[in-house]
Amino acid sequence: MFYAVVVLLVASASGLAAFASRWFAVRVTAVDQPTGGRKIHTKPTPLLGGWGIGIAMILAVIVGIYSGWFQSRDLHSVQLVGFLFGLLILMVGGFIDDKYSISPRLQILFPIAAALVVILTGTSISHVTQLSGGAYSLEWFRWGSFAFPSDVLTLVWLLAVTYAMKFLDGLDGLVAGQTVIGAGLIAALALSAAFFQPNVAILALIVGASFLGFLPWNLHPAKQFLGESGSTTAGFALGFLSIVAGTKAATALMALGLPLADASLVVFGRLMRGVSPFRGDDTHLHFKLLKAGLSQRTVVLLLWIIALLFGVLALGAQTRGKILLLTGLVGVTVILSFFAGLMKRSRIPRP
């Protein structure tokens, strides 16, 4: 009952905050114009959706800290403070990009800064689970508060997940719904008897509820977009949760596997064409499915179902099973991309 009340209150606060962030976006002209290409919307749409989400999330975590929701040793207050400062950095960077459309080289500075704050406040991937059982330490070398390769891997992981969700943000509601699914899966596993991390579950529910409250305004046809702050916050929050949760990256990858696999294929394709891997285009899986003739809502629902299905299957799987599921998820991504390309070519009229 307590968890349901938390979700309801946070989602309601996020939904109300969307009104304020939408009004503010219009006031400061942070509006996405329909210019074609990967911008497939047909009318000017306010950005800064991540601001309402971020404000609801930050306030909920602060209330939780002072209300004693986070008392377990699995998640320390200093880690939460680092998480909140990381969110603030992304919100500032998101506002600057939504307002002024800065270059990718400047955009990446904010996710890097957010990740470094998290690392400096004690959150890192200290070990990985071995297939034969047990854990393998990643803290080979320690110098002061810096551990190698643990902290380097943490930085790479947070940036990879952040940019995977940023790249995925091309259809109305896709990233917001994906984040709700990912956070919900982590919360479910954190509440299971095998791990039982109630404080991690509460944080995951706060993250999921923050995006859930915004989702009605973001569904097609969207009344507001996530913007840079929203898409980067989604990946950053899920990346942080996957580290502090007992599940580590194994289960989180089920919800993030599709955007990570798609991002990898897109980046590889861009490098092969000799263009910047950070330059946006319409070669993502969701755009290919649109070109194949599927509607926005159908594509979004299909990708949500895939993420949810593999995530639920991973909840009861051991390490080997999760690796097989992840391999299958990558395979599904490649197959969908291949068949979408075939369907697109079949729809092109011959001369």
Protein backbone atom coordinates (compact mmCIF):
# COMPACT_ATOMS: atom_id res chain seq x y z
CA MET A 1 0.00 0.00 0.00
CA PHE A 2 2.83 2.38 0.90
CA TYR A 3 4.54 1.86 -2.47
CA ALA A 4 1.28 2.45 -4.35
CA VAL A 5 0.76 5.74 -2.48
CA VAL A 6 4.31 6.85 -3.35
CA VAL A 7 3.73 6.08 -7.04
CA LEU A 8 0.37 7.89 -7.05
CA LEU A 9 1.70 11.02 -5.33
CA VAL A 10 4.88 11.28 -7.41
CA ALA A 11 3.04 10.63 -10.69
CA SER A 12 0.45 13.28 -9.80
CA ALA A 13 3.18 15.79 -8.92
CA SER A 14 4.97 15.07 -12.20
CA GLY A 15 1.77 15.47 -14.19
CA LEU A 16 1.11 18.84 -12.56
CA ALA A 17 4.73 19.92 -13.04
CA ALA A 18 4.33 19.23 -16.76
CA PHE A 19 1.89 22.17 -16.96
CA ALA A 20 4.50 24.51 -15.48
CA SER A 21 7.37 23.20 -17.61
CA ARG A 22 5.25 23.43 -20.77
CA TRP A 23 4.27 27.02 -19.99
CA PHE A 24 7.90 27.88 -19.21
CA ALA A 25 9.11 26.26 -22.46
CA VAL A 26 6.73 28.39 -24.50
CA ARG A 27 7.68 31.50 -22.51
CA VAL A 28 11.41 31.07 -23.21
CA THR A 29 10.78 29.76 -26.78
CA ALA A 30 12.24 26.32 -26.08
CA VAL A 31 10.00 24.84 -28.76
CA ASP A 32 10.81 22.10 -31.27
CA GLN A 33 9.93 23.13 -34.81
CA PRO A 34 8.85 20.52 -37.42
CA THR A 35 11.79 20.76 -39.82
CA GLY A 36 11.56 17.28 -41.36
CA GLY A 37 14.08 14.44 -41.26
CA ARG A 38 13.99 12.83 -37.81
CA LYS A 39 11.63 15.61 -36.63
CA ILE A 40 8.44 13.94 -37.80
CA HIS A 41 5.97 16.01 -35.76
CA THR A 42 3.71 18.36 -37.70
CA LYS A 43 3.39 21.35 -35.36
CA PRO A 44 5.65 23.31 -32.97
CA THR A 45 5.87 21.41 -29.67
CA PRO A 46 7.23 22.67 -26.32
CA LEU A 47 10.38 21.01 -25.00
CA LEU A 48 11.73 20.97 -21.39
CA GLY A 49 9.58 17.97 -20.43
CA GLY A 50 12.51 16.76 -18.37
CA TRP A 51 12.22 19.78 -16.11
CA GLY A 52 8.83 18.79 -14.72
CA ILE A 53 10.01 15.19 -14.38
CA GLY A 54 13.26 16.26 -12.72
CA ILE A 55 11.56 18.60 -10.26
CA ALA A 56 9.07 15.89 -9.21
CA MET A 57 11.87 13.35 -8.85
CA ILE A 58 14.15 15.64 -6.83
CA LEU A 59 11.37 16.75 -4.48
CA ALA A 60 10.25 13.15 -3.93
CA VAL A 61 13.79 12.00 -3.10
CA ILE A 62 14.27 14.93 -0.68
CA VAL A 63 10.97 14.09 1.03
CA GLY A 64 12.09 10.47 1.18
CA ILE A 65 15.42 11.36 2.80
CA TYR A 66 13.78 13.46 5.50
CA SER A 67 10.96 10.93 5.99
CA GLY A 68 13.36 8.04 6.57
CA TRP A 69 12.53 6.06 3.43
CA PHE A 70 16.22 5.50 2.66
CA GLN A 71 17.62 4.02 5.87
CA SER A 72 19.12 0.80 4.52
CA ARG A 73 22.86 0.38 4.10
CA ASP A 74 22.37 -0.51 0.43
CA LEU A 75 21.94 3.13 -0.52
CA HIS A 76 23.64 5.89 1.45
CA SER A 77 22.48 9.50 1.69
CA VAL A 78 25.66 10.79 0.04
CA GLN A 79 24.90 8.60 -3.01
CA LEU A 80 21.41 10.09 -3.22
CA VAL A 81 22.89 13.57 -2.98
CA GLY A 82 25.22 12.73 -5.86
CA PHE A 83 22.27 11.43 -7.86
CA LEU A 84 20.29 14.63 -7.24
CA PHE A 85 23.20 16.86 -8.25
CA GLY A 86 23.62 14.76 -11.38
CA LEU A 87 19.95 15.37 -12.22
CA LEU A 88 20.40 19.11 -11.71
CA ILE A 89 23.41 19.16 -14.05
CA LEU A 90 21.42 17.38 -16.75
CA MET A 91 18.48 19.72 -16.28
CA VAL A 92 20.73 22.75 -16.75
CA GLY A 93 22.41 21.21 -19.78
CA GLY A 94 19.05 20.20 -21.18
CA PHE A 95 17.68 23.72 -20.85
CA ILE A 96 20.69 25.19 -22.66
CA ASP A 97 20.38 22.68 -25.51
CA ASP A 98 16.58 22.97 -25.82
CA LYS A 99 16.86 26.74 -25.90
CA TYR A 100 20.01 27.26 -27.98
CA SER A 101 20.62 23.87 -29.68
CA ILE A 102 24.30 23.49 -28.76
CA SER A 103 26.76 21.19 -30.55
CA PRO A 104 27.19 17.51 -29.59
CA ARG A 105 30.69 18.28 -28.26
CA LEU A 106 29.22 20.66 -25.71
CA GLN A 107 26.16 18.48 -25.02
CA ILE A 108 28.29 15.57 -23.80
CA LEU A 109 29.99 17.69 -21.12
CA PHE A 110 26.84 17.65 -18.98
CA PRO A 111 26.35 13.84 -18.91
CA ILE A 112 30.07 13.46 -18.18
CA ALA A 113 29.83 15.93 -15.29
CA ALA A 114 26.70 14.18 -13.92
CA ALA A 115 28.42 10.78 -14.08
CA LEU A 116 31.56 12.10 -12.36
CA VAL A 117 29.48 13.55 -9.52
CA VAL A 118 27.87 10.14 -9.00
CA ILE A 119 31.27 8.44 -8.96
CA LEU A 120 32.80 10.98 -6.57
CA THR A 121 29.91 10.46 -4.13
CA GLY A 122 30.59 6.74 -3.84
CA THR A 123 28.56 5.00 -6.55
CA SER A 124 30.48 2.64 -8.83
CA ILE A 125 30.45 -0.83 -10.36
CA SER A 126 32.80 -2.49 -7.89
CA HIS A 127 32.37 -6.09 -9.09
CA VAL A 128 30.68 -8.30 -11.65
CA THR A 129 29.01 -11.67 -11.16
CA GLN A 130 30.88 -14.67 -12.58
CA LEU A 131 29.11 -17.40 -14.55
CA SER A 132 30.47 -20.00 -12.16
CA GLY A 133 29.13 -18.09 -9.16
CA GLY A 134 30.63 -15.52 -6.85
CA ALA A 135 31.84 -12.06 -7.79
CA TYR A 136 34.93 -10.69 -9.51
CA SER A 137 36.32 -7.45 -8.08
CA LEU A 138 36.98 -4.56 -10.46
CA GLU A 139 38.95 -2.49 -7.96
CA TRP A 140 42.41 -3.55 -9.13
CA PHE A 141 44.05 -0.26 -8.27
CA ARG A 142 42.99 2.39 -5.80
CA TRP A 143 44.39 5.90 -5.47
CA GLY A 144 42.56 7.97 -2.88
CA SER A 145 38.87 7.77 -3.76
CA PHE A 146 39.59 6.63 -7.34
CA ALA A 147 39.41 2.91 -8.18
CA PHE A 148 40.48 1.40 -11.51
CA PRO A 149 38.86 0.00 -13.65
CA SER A 150 35.72 0.25 -11.51
CA ASP A 151 35.21 4.01 -11.85
CA VAL A 152 36.13 4.04 -15.53
CA LEU A 153 33.59 1.31 -16.24
CA THR A 154 30.97 3.24 -14.24
CA LEU A 155 31.60 6.37 -16.32
CA VAL A 156 31.35 4.42 -19.58
CA TRP A 157 28.19 2.62 -18.43
CA LEU A 158 26.37 5.79 -17.36
CA LEU A 159 27.29 7.56 -20.61
CA ALA A 160 26.29 4.54 -22.71
CA VAL A 161 22.87 4.23 -21.10
CA THR A 162 22.31 8.00 -21.12
CA TYR A 163 23.05 8.25 -24.83
CA ALA A 164 21.15 5.09 -25.70
CA MET A 165 17.98 6.63 -24.28
CA LYS A 166 18.79 9.98 -25.87
CA PHE A 167 19.15 8.30 -29.29
CA LEU A 168 15.91 6.37 -28.69
CA ASP A 169 13.94 9.57 -28.17
CA GLY A 170 12.42 9.85 -31.62
CA LEU A 171 8.76 8.86 -31.20
CA ASP A 172 6.10 10.23 -28.88
CA GLY A 173 6.08 8.42 -25.54
CA LEU A 174 8.76 5.86 -26.45
CA VAL A 175 11.48 6.85 -23.98
CA ALA A 176 9.06 7.83 -21.18
CA GLY A 177 7.33 4.44 -21.40
CA GLN A 178 10.64 2.59 -21.70
CA THR A 179 11.83 4.30 -18.51
CA VAL A 180 8.64 3.35 -16.65
CA ILE A 181 9.18 -0.29 -17.70
CA GLY A 182 12.87 -0.30 -16.75
CA ALA A 183 12.33 1.34 -13.37
CA GLY A 184 9.37 -0.96 -12.65
CA LEU A 185 11.45 -4.07 -13.39
CA ILE A 186 14.26 -2.90 -11.10
CA ALA A 187 11.72 -2.10 -8.35
CA ALA A 188 10.14 -5.55 -8.69
CA LEU A 189 13.49 -7.31 -8.36
CA ALA A 190 14.60 -5.04 -5.51
CA LEU A 191 11.48 -6.08 -3.58
CA SER A 192 12.01 -9.79 -4.24
CA ALA A 193 13.21 -12.09 -1.45
CA ALA A 194 16.45 -12.80 -3.32
CA PHE A 195 17.65 -9.18 -3.08
CA PHE A 196 15.20 -7.21 -0.93
CA GLN A 197 16.46 -3.64 -1.20
CA PRO A 198 13.39 -1.59 -0.21
CA ASN A 199 15.22 1.71 -0.45
CA VAL A 200 16.36 0.95 -4.00
CA ALA A 201 12.79 -0.11 -4.82
CA ILE A 202 11.46 3.23 -3.54
CA LEU A 203 13.97 5.17 -5.64
CA ALA A 204 13.09 3.07 -8.69
CA LEU A 205 9.38 3.71 -8.10
CA ILE A 206 10.04 7.45 -7.77
CA VAL A 207 11.91 7.42 -11.10
CA GLY A 208 9.22 5.37 -12.82
CA ALA A 209 6.36 7.42 -11.37
CA SER A 210 8.01 10.69 -12.42
CA PHE A 211 8.00 9.53 -16.05
CA LEU A 212 4.58 7.90 -15.69
CA GLY A 213 3.03 11.22 -14.66
CA PHE A 214 4.49 12.90 -17.74
CA LEU A 215 3.56 10.10 -20.15
CA PRO A 216 -0.06 11.21 -20.88
CA TRP A 217 1.28 14.55 -22.19
CA ASN A 218 3.92 12.78 -24.26
CA LEU A 219 1.80 10.14 -26.01
CA HIS A 220 1.08 10.61 -29.71
CA PRO A 221 0.20 13.28 -30.65
CA ALA A 222 2.50 14.74 -27.98
CA LYS A 223 1.63 17.98 -26.24
CA GLN A 224 5.20 18.24 -24.93
CA PHE A 225 8.51 16.56 -25.67
CA LEU A 226 11.03 15.30 -23.13
CA GLY A 227 13.75 17.47 -24.61
CA GLU A 228 17.45 16.97 -23.88
CA SER A 229 16.93 17.10 -20.12
CA GLY A 230 14.23 14.42 -20.22
CA SER A 231 15.96 11.90 -22.48
CA THR A 232 19.32 12.16 -20.70
CA THR A 233 17.65 12.02 -17.27
CA ALA A 234 15.90 8.79 -18.31
CA GLY A 235 19.14 7.02 -19.18
CA PHE A 236 21.08 8.51 -16.28
CA ALA A 237 18.45 7.46 -13.72
CA LEU A 238 18.19 3.90 -15.07
CA GLY A 239 21.96 3.62 -15.23
CA PHE A 240 22.27 4.76 -11.60
CA LEU A 241 19.53 2.36 -10.48
CA SER A 242 21.18 -0.58 -12.22
CA ILE A 243 24.40 0.09 -10.28
CA VAL A 244 22.94 0.53 -6.79
CA ALA A 245 20.47 -2.34 -7.21
CA GLY A 246 21.49 -5.88 -6.40
CA THR A 247 20.56 -6.76 -9.95
CA LYS A 248 23.48 -4.73 -11.30
CA ALA A 249 23.41 -4.43 -15.06
CA ALA A 250 22.13 -7.95 -15.78
CA THR A 251 18.41 -7.34 -15.38
CA ALA A 252 18.56 -3.65 -16.29
CA LEU A 253 20.03 -4.68 -19.64
CA MET A 254 16.78 -6.45 -20.45
CA ALA A 255 14.92 -3.14 -20.40
CA LEU A 256 17.88 -1.25 -21.87
CA GLY A 257 19.10 -3.94 -24.24
CA LEU A 258 16.99 -2.83 -27.17
CA PRO A 259 17.98 0.87 -27.08
CA LEU A 260 21.62 -0.09 -26.42
CA ALA A 261 21.67 -2.57 -29.31
CA ASP A 262 19.92 -0.10 -31.61
CA ALA A 263 22.30 2.70 -30.58
CA SER A 264 25.30 0.44 -31.25
CA LEU A 265 24.03 -0.45 -34.74
CA VAL A 266 23.29 3.20 -35.53
CA VAL A 267 26.69 4.43 -34.31
CA PHE A 268 28.46 1.68 -36.28
CA GLY A 269 26.52 2.66 -39.40
CA ARG A 270 27.40 6.33 -38.95
CA LEU A 271 31.09 5.53 -38.53
CA MET A 272 31.00 3.37 -41.67
CA ARG A 273 29.47 6.32 -43.56
CA GLY A 274 32.13 8.66 -42.19
CA VAL A 275 29.77 10.89 -40.19
CA SER A 276 29.80 11.85 -36.52
CA PRO A 277 28.35 9.13 -34.25
CA PHE A 278 26.58 11.89 -32.28
CA ARG A 279 24.86 13.42 -35.31
CA GLY A 280 21.14 12.67 -35.27
CA ASP A 281 19.53 10.89 -38.21
CA ASP A 282 16.59 8.62 -39.05
CA THR A 283 18.45 5.28 -39.17
CA HIS A 284 17.17 4.09 -35.78
CA LEU A 285 14.98 1.01 -35.58
CA HIS A 286 11.86 3.00 -34.66
CA PHE A 287 12.26 5.20 -37.74
CA LYS A 288 12.81 2.14 -39.94
CA LEU A 289 9.60 0.61 -38.62
CA LEU A 290 7.76 3.84 -39.40
CA LYS A 291 9.11 3.82 -42.96
CA ALA A 292 8.00 0.20 -43.24
CA GLY A 293 4.41 1.38 -42.83
CA LEU A 294 3.69 0.99 -39.11
CA SER A 295 2.02 3.82 -37.21
CA GLN A 296 3.75 5.71 -34.39
CA ARG A 297 1.54 4.15 -31.75
CA THR A 298 2.09 0.64 -33.14
CA VAL A 299 5.88 1.03 -33.18
CA VAL A 300 5.97 2.41 -29.64
CA LEU A 301 3.69 -0.35 -28.34
CA LEU A 302 5.76 -3.04 -30.10
CA LEU A 303 9.03 -1.82 -28.58
CA TRP A 304 7.44 -1.50 -25.13
CA ILE A 305 6.14 -5.08 -25.33
CA ILE A 306 9.57 -6.41 -26.33
CA ALA A 307 11.29 -4.60 -23.45
CA LEU A 308 8.65 -5.73 -20.95
CA LEU A 309 8.63 -9.34 -22.16
CA PHE A 310 12.40 -9.80 -21.95
CA GLY A 311 12.51 -7.92 -18.65
CA VAL A 312 9.88 -10.13 -17.03
CA LEU A 313 11.62 -13.27 -18.29
CA ALA A 314 14.88 -12.01 -16.79
CA LEU A 315 13.35 -11.57 -13.33
CA GLY A 316 13.50 -15.28 -12.60
CA ALA A 317 16.61 -16.12 -14.62
CA GLN A 318 20.11 -16.80 -13.34
CA THR A 319 23.23 -15.19 -14.81
CA ARG A 320 23.53 -17.65 -17.72
CA GLY A 321 19.86 -17.27 -18.52
CA LYS A 322 20.12 -13.49 -18.53
CA ILE A 323 23.05 -13.63 -20.93
CA LEU A 324 21.02 -15.84 -23.27
CA LEU A 325 18.05 -13.49 -23.00
CA LEU A 326 20.25 -10.48 -23.74
CA THR A 327 21.69 -12.27 -26.76
CA GLY A 328 18.16 -13.02 -27.91
CA LEU A 329 17.15 -9.38 -27.43
CA VAL A 330 20.07 -8.18 -29.55
CA GLY A 331 19.07 -10.75 -32.17
CA VAL A 332 15.48 -9.50 -32.15
CA THR A 333 16.72 -5.93 -32.67
CA VAL A 334 18.86 -6.95 -35.65
CA ILE A 335 16.07 -9.06 -37.18
CA LEU A 336 13.48 -6.28 -36.77
CA SER A 337 15.87 -3.79 -38.37
CA PHE A 338 16.50 -6.17 -41.29
CA PHE A 339 12.83 -6.90 -41.97
CA ALA A 340 11.91 -3.22 -41.56
CA GLY A 341 14.40 -2.47 -44.31
CA LEU A 342 12.85 -5.14 -46.55
CA MET A 343 9.34 -3.84 -45.91
CA LYS A 344 10.45 -0.29 -46.69
CA ARG A 345 11.95 -1.36 -50.03
CA SER A 346 8.81 -3.32 -50.93
CA ARG A 347 6.71 -0.18 -50.41
CA ILE A 348 8.80 1.92 -52.82
CA PRO A 349 7.01 1.99 -56.19
CA ARG A 350 9.10 0.72 -59.09
CA PRO A 351 9.61 3.05 -62.08
